[in-house]
Amino acid sequence: RAAVIYDLSPIGVQHLKYFEDEARILALDIVHSAGIQPLAEDAADEVR
């Protein structure tokens, strides 16, 4: 069971797509994913 936080940017979104595709093959469940701003200085809410 994996939780993912990713940048809301072309880099982060592309990473997420390929991570999701491979996780599906491996039966690795993505239980939560959330985007943050690429220059974010606080991610407490997203991590919680």
ModelCIF file with pLDDT and N, C-alpha, C, O atoms, coordinates in Angstrom:
data_MODEL
#
_entry.id   MODEL 
#
_entity.id                         1 
_entity.type                       polymer 
_entity.pdbx_number_of_molecules   1 
#
_entity_poly.entity_id                      1 
_entity_poly.type                           'polypeptide(L)' 
_entity_poly.nstd_linkage                   no 
_entity_poly.nstd_monomer                   no 
_entity_poly.pdbx_seq_one_letter_code       RAAVIYDLSPIGVQHLKYFEDEARILALDIVHSAGIQPLAEDAADEVR 
_entity_poly.pdbx_seq_one_letter_code_can   RAAVIYDLSPIGVQHLKYFEDEARILALDIVHSAGIQPLAEDAADEVR 
_entity_poly.pdbx_strand_id                 A 
#
loop_
_entity_poly_seq.entity_id 
_entity_poly_seq.num 
_entity_poly_seq.mon_id 
_entity_poly_seq.hetero 
1 1  ARG n 
1 2  ALA n 
1 3  ALA n 
1 4  VAL n 
1 5  ILE n 
1 6  TYR n 
1 7  ASP n 
1 8  LEU n 
1 9  SER n 
1 10 PRO n 
1 11 ILE n 
1 12 GLY n 
1 13 VAL n 
1 14 GLN n 
1 15 HIS n 
1 16 LEU n 
1 17 LYS n 
1 18 TYR n 
1 19 PHE n 
1 20 GLU n 
1 21 ASP n 
1 22 GLU n 
1 23 ALA n 
1 24 ARG n 
1 25 ILE n 
1 26 LEU n 
1 27 ALA n 
1 28 LEU n 
1 29 ASP n 
1 30 ILE n 
1 31 VAL n 
1 32 HIS n 
1 33 SER n 
1 34 ALA n 
1 35 GLY n 
1 36 ILE n 
1 37 GLN n 
1 38 PRO n 
1 39 LEU n 
1 40 ALA n 
1 41 GLU n 
1 42 ASP n 
1 43 ALA n 
1 44 ALA n 
1 45 ASP n 
1 46 GLU n 
1 47 VAL n 
1 48 ARG n 
#
_struct_asym.id          A 
_struct_asym.entity_id   1 
#
loop_
_ma_qa_metric.id 
_ma_qa_metric.mode 
_ma_qa_metric.name 
_ma_qa_metric.software_group_id 
_ma_qa_metric.type 
1 global pLDDT . pLDDT 
2 local  pLDDT . pLDDT 
#
_ma_qa_metric_global.metric_id      1 
_ma_qa_metric_global.metric_value   96.60 
_ma_qa_metric_global.model_id       1 
_ma_qa_metric_global.ordinal_id     1 
#
loop_
_ma_qa_metric_local.label_asym_id 
_ma_qa_metric_local.label_comp_id 
_ma_qa_metric_local.label_seq_id 
_ma_qa_metric_local.metric_id 
_ma_qa_metric_local.metric_value 
_ma_qa_metric_local.model_id 
_ma_qa_metric_local.ordinal_id 
A ARG 1  2 98.00 1 1  
A ALA 2  2 98.00 1 2  
A ALA 3  2 98.00 1 3  
A VAL 4  2 98.00 1 4  
A ILE 5  2 98.00 1 5  
A TYR 6  2 98.00 1 6  
A ASP 7  2 97.00 1 7  
A LEU 8  2 96.00 1 8  
A SER 9  2 92.00 1 9  
A PRO 10 2 89.00 1 10 
A ILE 11 2 90.00 1 11 
A GLY 12 2 94.00 1 12 
A VAL 13 2 95.00 1 13 
A GLN 14 2 93.00 1 14 
A HIS 15 2 95.00 1 15 
A LEU 16 2 97.00 1 16 
A LYS 17 2 97.00 1 17 
A TYR 18 2 97.00 1 18 
A PHE 19 2 98.00 1 19 
A GLU 20 2 98.00 1 20 
A ASP 21 2 97.00 1 21 
A GLU 22 2 98.00 1 22 
A ALA 23 2 98.00 1 23 
A ARG 24 2 97.00 1 24 
A ILE 25 2 97.00 1 25 
A LEU 26 2 97.00 1 26 
A ALA 27 2 97.00 1 27 
A LEU 28 2 98.00 1 28 
A ASP 29 2 98.00 1 29 
A ILE 30 2 98.00 1 30 
A VAL 31 2 98.00 1 31 
A HIS 32 2 98.00 1 32 
A SER 33 2 98.00 1 33 
A ALA 34 2 97.00 1 34 
A GLY 35 2 98.00 1 35 
A ILE 36 2 97.00 1 36 
A GLN 37 2 96.00 1 37 
A PRO 38 2 95.00 1 38 
A LEU 39 2 94.00 1 39 
A ALA 40 2 96.00 1 40 
A GLU 41 2 96.00 1 41 
A ASP 42 2 97.00 1 42 
A ALA 43 2 98.00 1 43 
A ALA 44 2 97.00 1 44 
A ASP 45 2 97.00 1 45 
A GLU 46 2 98.00 1 46 
A VAL 47 2 98.00 1 47 
A ARG 48 2 98.00 1 48 
#
loop_
_atom_site.group_PDB 
_atom_site.id 
_atom_site.type_symbol 
_atom_site.label_atom_id 
_atom_site.label_alt_id 
_atom_site.label_comp_id 
_atom_site.label_asym_id 
_atom_site.label_entity_id 
_atom_site.label_seq_id 
_atom_site.pdbx_PDB_ins_code 
_atom_site.Cartn_x 
_atom_site.Cartn_y 
_atom_site.Cartn_z 
_atom_site.occupancy 
_atom_site.B_iso_or_equiv 
_atom_site.pdbx_formal_charge 
_atom_site.auth_seq_id 
_atom_site.auth_comp_id 
_atom_site.auth_asym_id 
_atom_site.auth_atom_id 
_atom_site.pdbx_PDB_model_num 
ATOM 1   N N  . ARG A 1 1  ? 0.845  -1.181 0.000   1.00 98.00 ? 1  ARG A N  1 
ATOM 2   C CA . ARG A 1 1  ? 0.000  0.000  0.000   1.00 98.00 ? 1  ARG A CA 1 
ATOM 3   C C  . ARG A 1 1  ? 0.890  1.244  0.000   1.00 98.00 ? 1  ARG A C  1 
ATOM 4   O O  . ARG A 1 1  ? 1.593  1.503  0.977   1.00 98.00 ? 1  ARG A O  1 
ATOM 5   N N  . ALA A 1 2  ? 0.863  2.001  -1.076  1.00 98.00 ? 2  ALA A N  1 
ATOM 6   C CA . ALA A 1 2  ? 1.729  3.168  -1.201  1.00 98.00 ? 2  ALA A CA 1 
ATOM 7   C C  . ALA A 1 2  ? 0.920  4.452  -1.203  1.00 98.00 ? 2  ALA A C  1 
ATOM 8   O O  . ALA A 1 2  ? -0.149 4.523  -1.808  1.00 98.00 ? 2  ALA A O  1 
ATOM 9   N N  . ALA A 1 3  ? 1.437  5.466  -0.522  1.00 98.00 ? 3  ALA A N  1 
ATOM 10  C CA . ALA A 1 3  ? 0.902  6.821  -0.599  1.00 98.00 ? 3  ALA A CA 1 
ATOM 11  C C  . ALA A 1 3  ? 1.873  7.658  -1.429  1.00 98.00 ? 3  ALA A C  1 
ATOM 12  O O  . ALA A 1 3  ? 3.088  7.515  -1.295  1.00 98.00 ? 3  ALA A O  1 
ATOM 13  N N  . VAL A 1 4  ? 1.348  8.521  -2.275  1.00 98.00 ? 4  VAL A N  1 
ATOM 14  C CA . VAL A 1 4  ? 2.170  9.292  -3.206  1.00 98.00 ? 4  VAL A CA 1 
ATOM 15  C C  . VAL A 1 4  ? 1.840  10.767 -3.084  1.00 98.00 ? 4  VAL A C  1 
ATOM 16  O O  . VAL A 1 4  ? 0.672  11.157 -3.110  1.00 98.00 ? 4  VAL A O  1 
ATOM 17  N N  . ILE A 1 5  ? 2.875  11.586 -2.950  1.00 98.00 ? 5  ILE A N  1 
ATOM 18  C CA . ILE A 1 5  ? 2.736  13.034 -3.082  1.00 98.00 ? 5  ILE A CA 1 
ATOM 19  C C  . ILE A 1 5  ? 3.601  13.449 -4.262  1.00 98.00 ? 5  ILE A C  1 
ATOM 20  O O  . ILE A 1 5  ? 4.770  13.073 -4.350  1.00 98.00 ? 5  ILE A O  1 
ATOM 21  N N  . TYR A 1 6  ? 3.022  14.225 -5.166  1.00 98.00 ? 6  TYR A N  1 
ATOM 22  C CA . TYR A 1 6  ? 3.712  14.578 -6.402  1.00 98.00 ? 6  TYR A CA 1 
ATOM 23  C C  . TYR A 1 6  ? 3.553  16.056 -6.714  1.00 98.00 ? 6  TYR A C  1 
ATOM 24  O O  . TYR A 1 6  ? 2.578  16.688 -6.307  1.00 98.00 ? 6  TYR A O  1 
ATOM 25  N N  . ASP A 1 7  ? 4.517  16.598 -7.438  1.00 97.00 ? 7  ASP A N  1 
ATOM 26  C CA . ASP A 1 7  ? 4.452  17.989 -7.879  1.00 97.00 ? 7  ASP A CA 1 
ATOM 27  C C  . ASP A 1 7  ? 3.347  18.169 -8.914  1.00 97.00 ? 7  ASP A C  1 
ATOM 28  O O  . ASP A 1 7  ? 3.147  17.317 -9.780  1.00 97.00 ? 7  ASP A O  1 
ATOM 29  N N  . LEU A 1 8  ? 2.640  19.276 -8.813  1.00 96.00 ? 8  LEU A N  1 
ATOM 30  C CA . LEU A 1 8  ? 1.668  19.654 -9.847  1.00 96.00 ? 8  LEU A CA 1 
ATOM 31  C C  . LEU A 1 8  ? 2.423  20.368 -10.972 1.00 96.00 ? 8  LEU A C  1 
ATOM 32  O O  . LEU A 1 8  ? 2.357  21.588 -11.120 1.00 96.00 ? 8  LEU A O  1 
ATOM 33  N N  . SER A 1 9  ? 3.130  19.573 -11.744 1.00 92.00 ? 9  SER A N  1 
ATOM 34  C CA . SER A 1 9  ? 3.975  20.062 -12.829 1.00 92.00 ? 9  SER A CA 1 
ATOM 35  C C  . SER A 1 9  ? 4.087  18.957 -13.871 1.00 92.00 ? 9  SER A C  1 
ATOM 36  O O  . SER A 1 9  ? 3.755  17.810 -13.572 1.00 92.00 ? 9  SER A O  1 
ATOM 37  N N  . PRO A 1 10 ? 4.544  19.261 -15.082 1.00 89.00 ? 10 PRO A N  1 
ATOM 38  C CA . PRO A 1 10 ? 4.733  18.185 -16.060 1.00 89.00 ? 10 PRO A CA 1 
ATOM 39  C C  . PRO A 1 10 ? 5.625  17.064 -15.541 1.00 89.00 ? 10 PRO A C  1 
ATOM 40  O O  . PRO A 1 10 ? 5.386  15.894 -15.838 1.00 89.00 ? 10 PRO A O  1 
ATOM 41  N N  . ILE A 1 11 ? 6.654  17.414 -14.765 1.00 90.00 ? 11 ILE A N  1 
ATOM 42  C CA . ILE A 1 11 ? 7.539  16.390 -14.205 1.00 90.00 ? 11 ILE A CA 1 
ATOM 43  C C  . ILE A 1 11 ? 6.773  15.475 -13.254 1.00 90.00 ? 11 ILE A C  1 
ATOM 44  O O  . ILE A 1 11 ? 6.795  14.254 -13.404 1.00 90.00 ? 11 ILE A O  1 
ATOM 45  N N  . GLY A 1 12 ? 6.090  16.079 -12.266 1.00 94.00 ? 12 GLY A N  1 
ATOM 46  C CA . GLY A 1 12 ? 5.389  15.280 -11.279 1.00 94.00 ? 12 GLY A CA 1 
ATOM 47  C C  . GLY A 1 12 ? 4.273  14.445 -11.867 1.00 94.00 ? 12 GLY A C  1 
ATOM 48  O O  . GLY A 1 12 ? 4.107  13.281 -11.502 1.00 94.00 ? 12 GLY A O  1 
ATOM 49  N N  . VAL A 1 13 ? 3.505  15.029 -12.775 1.00 95.00 ? 13 VAL A N  1 
ATOM 50  C CA . VAL A 1 13 ? 2.380  14.313 -13.378 1.00 95.00 ? 13 VAL A CA 1 
ATOM 51  C C  . VAL A 1 13 ? 2.854  13.138 -14.224 1.00 95.00 ? 13 VAL A C  1 
ATOM 52  O O  . VAL A 1 13 ? 2.247  12.067 -14.204 1.00 95.00 ? 13 VAL A O  1 
ATOM 53  N N  . GLN A 1 14 ? 3.945  13.340 -14.971 1.00 93.00 ? 14 GLN A N  1 
ATOM 54  C CA . GLN A 1 14 ? 4.473  12.247 -15.789 1.00 93.00 ? 14 GLN A CA 1 
ATOM 55  C C  . GLN A 1 14 ? 5.009  11.118 -14.925 1.00 93.00 ? 14 GLN A C  1 
ATOM 56  O O  . GLN A 1 14 ? 4.773  9.944  -15.212 1.00 93.00 ? 14 GLN A O  1 
ATOM 57  N N  . HIS A 1 15 ? 5.728  11.471 -13.866 1.00 95.00 ? 15 HIS A N  1 
ATOM 58  C CA . HIS A 1 15 ? 6.191  10.448 -12.931 1.00 95.00 ? 15 HIS A CA 1 
ATOM 59  C C  . HIS A 1 15 ? 5.017  9.640  -12.383 1.00 95.00 ? 15 HIS A C  1 
ATOM 60  O O  . HIS A 1 15 ? 5.065  8.411  -12.338 1.00 95.00 ? 15 HIS A O  1 
ATOM 61  N N  . LEU A 1 16 ? 3.980  10.332 -11.972 1.00 97.00 ? 16 LEU A N  1 
ATOM 62  C CA . LEU A 1 16 ? 2.836  9.664  -11.364 1.00 97.00 ? 16 LEU A CA 1 
ATOM 63  C C  . LEU A 1 16 ? 2.197  8.670  -12.332 1.00 97.00 ? 16 LEU A C  1 
ATOM 64  O O  . LEU A 1 16 ? 1.856  7.553  -11.942 1.00 97.00 ? 16 LEU A O  1 
ATOM 65  N N  . LYS A 1 17 ? 2.037  9.070  -13.578 1.00 97.00 ? 17 LYS A N  1 
ATOM 66  C CA . LYS A 1 17 ? 1.410  8.189  -14.567 1.00 97.00 ? 17 LYS A CA 1 
ATOM 67  C C  . LYS A 1 17 ? 2.171  6.868  -14.674 1.00 97.00 ? 17 LYS A C  1 
ATOM 68  O O  . LYS A 1 17 ? 1.569  5.795  -14.641 1.00 97.00 ? 17 LYS A O  1 
ATOM 69  N N  . TYR A 1 18 ? 3.487  6.951  -14.801 1.00 97.00 ? 18 TYR A N  1 
ATOM 70  C CA . TYR A 1 18 ? 4.273  5.733  -14.985 1.00 97.00 ? 18 TYR A CA 1 
ATOM 71  C C  . TYR A 1 18 ? 4.369  4.930  -13.691 1.00 97.00 ? 18 TYR A C  1 
ATOM 72  O O  . TYR A 1 18 ? 4.446  3.702  -13.725 1.00 97.00 ? 18 TYR A O  1 
ATOM 73  N N  . PHE A 1 19 ? 4.364  5.626  -12.542 1.00 98.00 ? 19 PHE A N  1 
ATOM 74  C CA . PHE A 1 19 ? 4.350  4.891  -11.272 1.00 98.00 ? 19 PHE A CA 1 
ATOM 75  C C  . PHE A 1 19 ? 3.041  4.120  -11.131 1.00 98.00 ? 19 PHE A C  1 
ATOM 76  O O  . PHE A 1 19 ? 3.043  2.962  -10.714 1.00 98.00 ? 19 PHE A O  1 
ATOM 77  N N  . GLU A 1 20 ? 1.932  4.753  -11.474 1.00 98.00 ? 20 GLU A N  1 
ATOM 78  C CA . GLU A 1 20 ? 0.632  4.078  -11.391 1.00 98.00 ? 20 GLU A CA 1 
ATOM 79  C C  . GLU A 1 20 ? 0.578  2.861  -12.309 1.00 98.00 ? 20 GLU A C  1 
ATOM 80  O O  . GLU A 1 20 ? 0.065  1.808  -11.930 1.00 98.00 ? 20 GLU A O  1 
ATOM 81  N N  . ASP A 1 21 ? 1.113  3.015  -13.519 1.00 97.00 ? 21 ASP A N  1 
ATOM 82  C CA . ASP A 1 21 ? 1.084  1.896  -14.473 1.00 97.00 ? 21 ASP A CA 1 
ATOM 83  C C  . ASP A 1 21 ? 1.877  0.702  -13.948 1.00 97.00 ? 21 ASP A C  1 
ATOM 84  O O  . ASP A 1 21 ? 1.413  -0.436 -14.021 1.00 97.00 ? 21 ASP A O  1 
ATOM 85  N N  . GLU A 1 22 ? 3.079  0.964  -13.418 1.00 98.00 ? 22 GLU A N  1 
ATOM 86  C CA . GLU A 1 22 ? 3.904  -0.134 -12.920 1.00 98.00 ? 22 GLU A CA 1 
ATOM 87  C C  . GLU A 1 22 ? 3.333  -0.714 -11.634 1.00 98.00 ? 22 GLU A C  1 
ATOM 88  O O  . GLU A 1 22 ? 3.391  -1.926 -11.426 1.00 98.00 ? 22 GLU A O  1 
ATOM 89  N N  . ALA A 1 23 ? 2.780  0.136  -10.765 1.00 98.00 ? 23 ALA A N  1 
ATOM 90  C CA . ALA A 1 23 ? 2.179  -0.351 -9.525  1.00 98.00 ? 23 ALA A CA 1 
ATOM 91  C C  . ALA A 1 23 ? 1.028  -1.296 -9.821  1.00 98.00 ? 23 ALA A C  1 
ATOM 92  O O  . ALA A 1 23 ? 0.832  -2.290 -9.121  1.00 98.00 ? 23 ALA A O  1 
ATOM 93  N N  . ARG A 1 24 ? 0.274  -0.982 -10.852 1.00 97.00 ? 24 ARG A N  1 
ATOM 94  C CA . ARG A 1 24 ? -0.853 -1.849 -11.224 1.00 97.00 ? 24 ARG A CA 1 
ATOM 95  C C  . ARG A 1 24 ? -0.357 -3.243 -11.611 1.00 97.00 ? 24 ARG A C  1 
ATOM 96  O O  . ARG A 1 24 ? -0.961 -4.247 -11.232 1.00 97.00 ? 24 ARG A O  1 
ATOM 97  N N  . ILE A 1 25 ? 0.727  -3.302 -12.354 1.00 97.00 ? 25 ILE A N  1 
ATOM 98  C CA . ILE A 1 25 ? 1.296  -4.586 -12.770 1.00 97.00 ? 25 ILE A CA 1 
ATOM 99  C C  . ILE A 1 25 ? 1.803  -5.381 -11.565 1.00 97.00 ? 25 ILE A C  1 
ATOM 100 O O  . ILE A 1 25 ? 1.690  -6.607 -11.527 1.00 97.00 ? 25 ILE A O  1 
ATOM 101 N N  . LEU A 1 26 ? 2.359  -4.673 -10.588 1.00 97.00 ? 26 LEU A N  1 
ATOM 102 C CA . LEU A 1 26 ? 2.974  -5.306 -9.428  1.00 97.00 ? 26 LEU A CA 1 
ATOM 103 C C  . LEU A 1 26 ? 1.981  -5.576 -8.296  1.00 97.00 ? 26 LEU A C  1 
ATOM 104 O O  . LEU A 1 26 ? 2.363  -6.111 -7.255  1.00 97.00 ? 26 LEU A O  1 
ATOM 105 N N  . ALA A 1 27 ? 0.714  -5.213 -8.491  1.00 97.00 ? 27 ALA A N  1 
ATOM 106 C CA . ALA A 1 27 ? -0.304 -5.344 -7.438  1.00 97.00 ? 27 ALA A CA 1 
ATOM 107 C C  . ALA A 1 27 ? 0.067  -4.505 -6.220  1.00 97.00 ? 27 ALA A C  1 
ATOM 108 O O  . ALA A 1 27 ? -0.209 -4.885 -5.083  1.00 97.00 ? 27 ALA A O  1 
ATOM 109 N N  . LEU A 1 28 ? 0.698  -3.359 -6.475  1.00 98.00 ? 28 LEU A N  1 
ATOM 110 C CA . LEU A 1 28 ? 1.014  -2.390 -5.432  1.00 98.00 ? 28 LEU A CA 1 
ATOM 111 C C  . LEU A 1 28 ? -0.105 -1.355 -5.429  1.00 98.00 ? 28 LEU A C  1 
ATOM 112 O O  . LEU A 1 28 ? -0.247 -0.583 -6.377  1.00 98.00 ? 28 LEU A O  1 
ATOM 113 N N  . ASP A 1 29 ? -0.880 -1.341 -4.385  1.00 98.00 ? 29 ASP A N  1 
ATOM 114 C CA . ASP A 1 29 ? -2.058 -0.486 -4.325  1.00 98.00 ? 29 ASP A CA 1 
ATOM 115 C C  . ASP A 1 29 ? -1.661 0.937  -3.942  1.00 98.00 ? 29 ASP A C  1 
ATOM 116 O O  . ASP A 1 29 ? -1.024 1.144  -2.909  1.00 98.00 ? 29 ASP A O  1 
ATOM 117 N N  . ILE A 1 30 ? -2.029 1.916  -4.762  1.00 98.00 ? 30 ILE A N  1 
ATOM 118 C CA . ILE A 1 30 ? -1.812 3.321  -4.409  1.00 98.00 ? 30 ILE A CA 1 
ATOM 119 C C  . ILE A 1 30 ? -3.048 3.768  -3.632  1.00 98.00 ? 30 ILE A C  1 
ATOM 120 O O  . ILE A 1 30 ? -4.093 4.053  -4.216  1.00 98.00 ? 30 ILE A O  1 
ATOM 121 N N  . VAL A 1 31 ? -2.912 3.825  -2.309  1.00 98.00 ? 31 VAL A N  1 
ATOM 122 C CA . VAL A 1 31 ? -4.071 4.089  -1.455  1.00 98.00 ? 31 VAL A CA 1 
ATOM 123 C C  . VAL A 1 31 ? -4.431 5.569  -1.425  1.00 98.00 ? 31 VAL A C  1 
ATOM 124 O O  . VAL A 1 31 ? -5.551 5.931  -1.067  1.00 98.00 ? 31 VAL A O  1 
ATOM 125 N N  . HIS A 1 32 ? -3.474 6.434  -1.803  1.00 98.00 ? 32 HIS A N  1 
ATOM 126 C CA . HIS A 1 32 ? -3.745 7.871  -1.819  1.00 98.00 ? 32 HIS A CA 1 
ATOM 127 C C  . HIS A 1 32 ? -2.674 8.562  -2.661  1.00 98.00 ? 32 HIS A C  1 
ATOM 128 O O  . HIS A 1 32 ? -1.497 8.207  -2.588  1.00 98.00 ? 32 HIS A O  1 
ATOM 129 N N  . SER A 1 33 ? -3.078 9.536  -3.448  1.00 98.00 ? 33 SER A N  1 
ATOM 130 C CA . SER A 1 33 ? -2.120 10.393 -4.156  1.00 98.00 ? 33 SER A CA 1 
ATOM 131 C C  . SER A 1 33 ? -2.630 11.820 -4.090  1.00 98.00 ? 33 SER A C  1 
ATOM 132 O O  . SER A 1 33 ? -3.832 12.063 -4.203  1.00 98.00 ? 33 SER A O  1 
ATOM 133 N N  . ALA A 1 34 ? -1.711 12.766 -3.907  1.00 97.00 ? 34 ALA A N  1 
ATOM 134 C CA . ALA A 1 34 ? -2.082 14.177 -3.792  1.00 97.00 ? 34 ALA A CA 1 
ATOM 135 C C  . ALA A 1 34 ? -1.001 15.033 -4.425  1.00 97.00 ? 34 ALA A C  1 
ATOM 136 O O  . ALA A 1 34 ? 0.189  14.752 -4.281  1.00 97.00 ? 34 ALA A O  1 
ATOM 137 N N  . GLY A 1 35 ? -1.414 16.072 -5.123  1.00 98.00 ? 35 GLY A N  1 
ATOM 138 C CA . GLY A 1 35 ? -0.479 16.994 -5.747  1.00 98.00 ? 35 GLY A CA 1 
ATOM 139 C C  . GLY A 1 35 ? -0.197 18.201 -4.861  1.00 98.00 ? 35 GLY A C  1 
ATOM 140 O O  . GLY A 1 35 ? -1.060 18.656 -4.111  1.00 98.00 ? 35 GLY A O  1 
ATOM 141 N N  . ILE A 1 36 ? 1.037  18.711 -4.965  1.00 97.00 ? 36 ILE A N  1 
ATOM 142 C CA . ILE A 1 36 ? 1.414  19.942 -4.264  1.00 97.00 ? 36 ILE A CA 1 
ATOM 143 C C  . ILE A 1 36 ? 2.118  20.866 -5.244  1.00 97.00 ? 36 ILE A C  1 
ATOM 144 O O  . ILE A 1 36 ? 2.572  20.430 -6.302  1.00 97.00 ? 36 ILE A O  1 
ATOM 145 N N  . GLN A 1 37 ? 2.207  22.125 -4.895  1.00 96.00 ? 37 GLN A N  1 
ATOM 146 C CA . GLN A 1 37 ? 2.902  23.083 -5.743  1.00 96.00 ? 37 GLN A CA 1 
ATOM 147 C C  . GLN A 1 37 ? 4.404  22.775 -5.751  1.00 96.00 ? 37 GLN A C  1 
ATOM 148 O O  . GLN A 1 37 ? 4.950  22.399 -4.714  1.00 96.00 ? 37 GLN A O  1 
ATOM 149 N N  . PRO A 1 38 ? 5.083  22.926 -6.892  1.00 95.00 ? 38 PRO A N  1 
ATOM 150 C CA . PRO A 1 38 ? 6.497  22.541 -6.988  1.00 95.00 ? 38 PRO A CA 1 
ATOM 151 C C  . PRO A 1 38 ? 7.425  23.296 -6.037  1.00 95.00 ? 38 PRO A C  1 
ATOM 152 O O  . PRO A 1 38 ? 8.512  22.809 -5.725  1.00 95.00 ? 38 PRO A O  1 
ATOM 153 N N  . LEU A 1 39 ? 7.013  24.477 -5.574  1.00 94.00 ? 39 LEU A N  1 
ATOM 154 C CA . LEU A 1 39 ? 7.850  25.239 -4.651  1.00 94.00 ? 39 LEU A CA 1 
ATOM 155 C C  . LEU A 1 39 ? 7.257  25.276 -3.238  1.00 94.00 ? 39 LEU A C  1 
ATOM 156 O O  . LEU A 1 39 ? 7.599  26.149 -2.440  1.00 94.00 ? 39 LEU A O  1 
ATOM 157 N N  . ALA A 1 40 ? 6.373  24.331 -2.937  1.00 96.00 ? 40 ALA A N  1 
ATOM 158 C CA . ALA A 1 40 ? 5.706  24.309 -1.629  1.00 96.00 ? 40 ALA A CA 1 
ATOM 159 C C  . ALA A 1 40 ? 6.716  24.205 -0.488  1.00 96.00 ? 40 ALA A C  1 
ATOM 160 O O  . ALA A 1 40 ? 7.695  23.465 -0.575  1.00 96.00 ? 40 ALA A O  1 
ATOM 161 N N  . GLU A 1 41 ? 6.463  24.956 0.576   1.00 96.00 ? 41 GLU A N  1 
ATOM 162 C CA . GLU A 1 41 ? 7.323  24.920 1.758   1.00 96.00 ? 41 GLU A CA 1 
ATOM 163 C C  . GLU A 1 41 ? 6.653  24.250 2.952   1.00 96.00 ? 41 GLU A C  1 
ATOM 164 O O  . GLU A 1 41 ? 7.280  24.061 3.994   1.00 96.00 ? 41 GLU A O  1 
ATOM 165 N N  . ASP A 1 42 ? 5.386  23.892 2.803   1.00 97.00 ? 42 ASP A N  1 
ATOM 166 C CA . ASP A 1 42 ? 4.648  23.224 3.878   1.00 97.00 ? 42 ASP A CA 1 
ATOM 167 C C  . ASP A 1 42 ? 3.773  22.138 3.255   1.00 97.00 ? 42 ASP A C  1 
ATOM 168 O O  . ASP A 1 42 ? 2.956  22.415 2.376   1.00 97.00 ? 42 ASP A O  1 
ATOM 169 N N  . ALA A 1 43 ? 3.950  20.914 3.713   1.00 98.00 ? 43 ALA A N  1 
ATOM 170 C CA . ALA A 1 43 ? 3.139  19.802 3.202   1.00 98.00 ? 43 ALA A CA 1 
ATOM 171 C C  . ALA A 1 43 ? 2.513  19.008 4.344   1.00 98.00 ? 43 ALA A C  1 
ATOM 172 O O  . ALA A 1 43 ? 2.181  17.834 4.183   1.00 98.00 ? 43 ALA A O  1 
ATOM 173 N N  . ALA A 1 44 ? 2.354  19.650 5.491   1.00 97.00 ? 44 ALA A N  1 
ATOM 174 C CA . ALA A 1 44 ? 1.849  18.932 6.667   1.00 97.00 ? 44 ALA A CA 1 
ATOM 175 C C  . ALA A 1 44 ? 0.454  18.363 6.428   1.00 97.00 ? 44 ALA A C  1 
ATOM 176 O O  . ALA A 1 44 ? 0.185  17.214 6.779   1.00 97.00 ? 44 ALA A O  1 
ATOM 177 N N  . ASP A 1 45 ? -0.427 19.152 5.838   1.00 97.00 ? 45 ASP A N  1 
ATOM 178 C CA . ASP A 1 45 ? -1.790 18.663 5.611   1.00 97.00 ? 45 ASP A CA 1 
ATOM 179 C C  . ASP A 1 45 ? -1.809 17.491 4.635   1.00 97.00 ? 45 ASP A C  1 
ATOM 180 O O  . ASP A 1 45 ? -2.515 16.505 4.847   1.00 97.00 ? 45 ASP A O  1 
ATOM 181 N N  . GLU A 1 46 ? -1.024 17.609 3.561   1.00 98.00 ? 46 GLU A N  1 
ATOM 182 C CA . GLU A 1 46 ? -0.988 16.554 2.552   1.00 98.00 ? 46 GLU A CA 1 
ATOM 183 C C  . GLU A 1 46 ? -0.433 15.256 3.133   1.00 98.00 ? 46 GLU A C  1 
ATOM 184 O O  . GLU A 1 46 ? -0.948 14.175 2.848   1.00 98.00 ? 46 GLU A O  1 
ATOM 185 N N  . VAL A 1 47 ? 0.616  15.363 3.945   1.00 98.00 ? 47 VAL A N  1 
ATOM 186 C CA . VAL A 1 47 ? 1.208  14.167 4.547   1.00 98.00 ? 47 VAL A CA 1 
ATOM 187 C C  . VAL A 1 47 ? 0.244  13.551 5.566   1.00 98.00 ? 47 VAL A C  1 
ATOM 188 O O  . VAL A 1 47 ? 0.093  12.331 5.622   1.00 98.00 ? 47 VAL A O  1 
ATOM 189 N N  . ARG A 1 48 ? -0.397 14.386 6.358   1.00 98.00 ? 48 ARG A N  1 
ATOM 190 C CA . ARG A 1 48 ? -1.350 13.879 7.352   1.00 98.00 ? 48 ARG A CA 1 
ATOM 191 C C  . ARG A 1 48 ? -2.483 13.115 6.671   1.00 98.00 ? 48 ARG A C  1 
ATOM 192 O O  . ARG A 1 48 ? -3.383 12.614 7.345   1.00 98.00 ? 48 ARG A O  1 
#
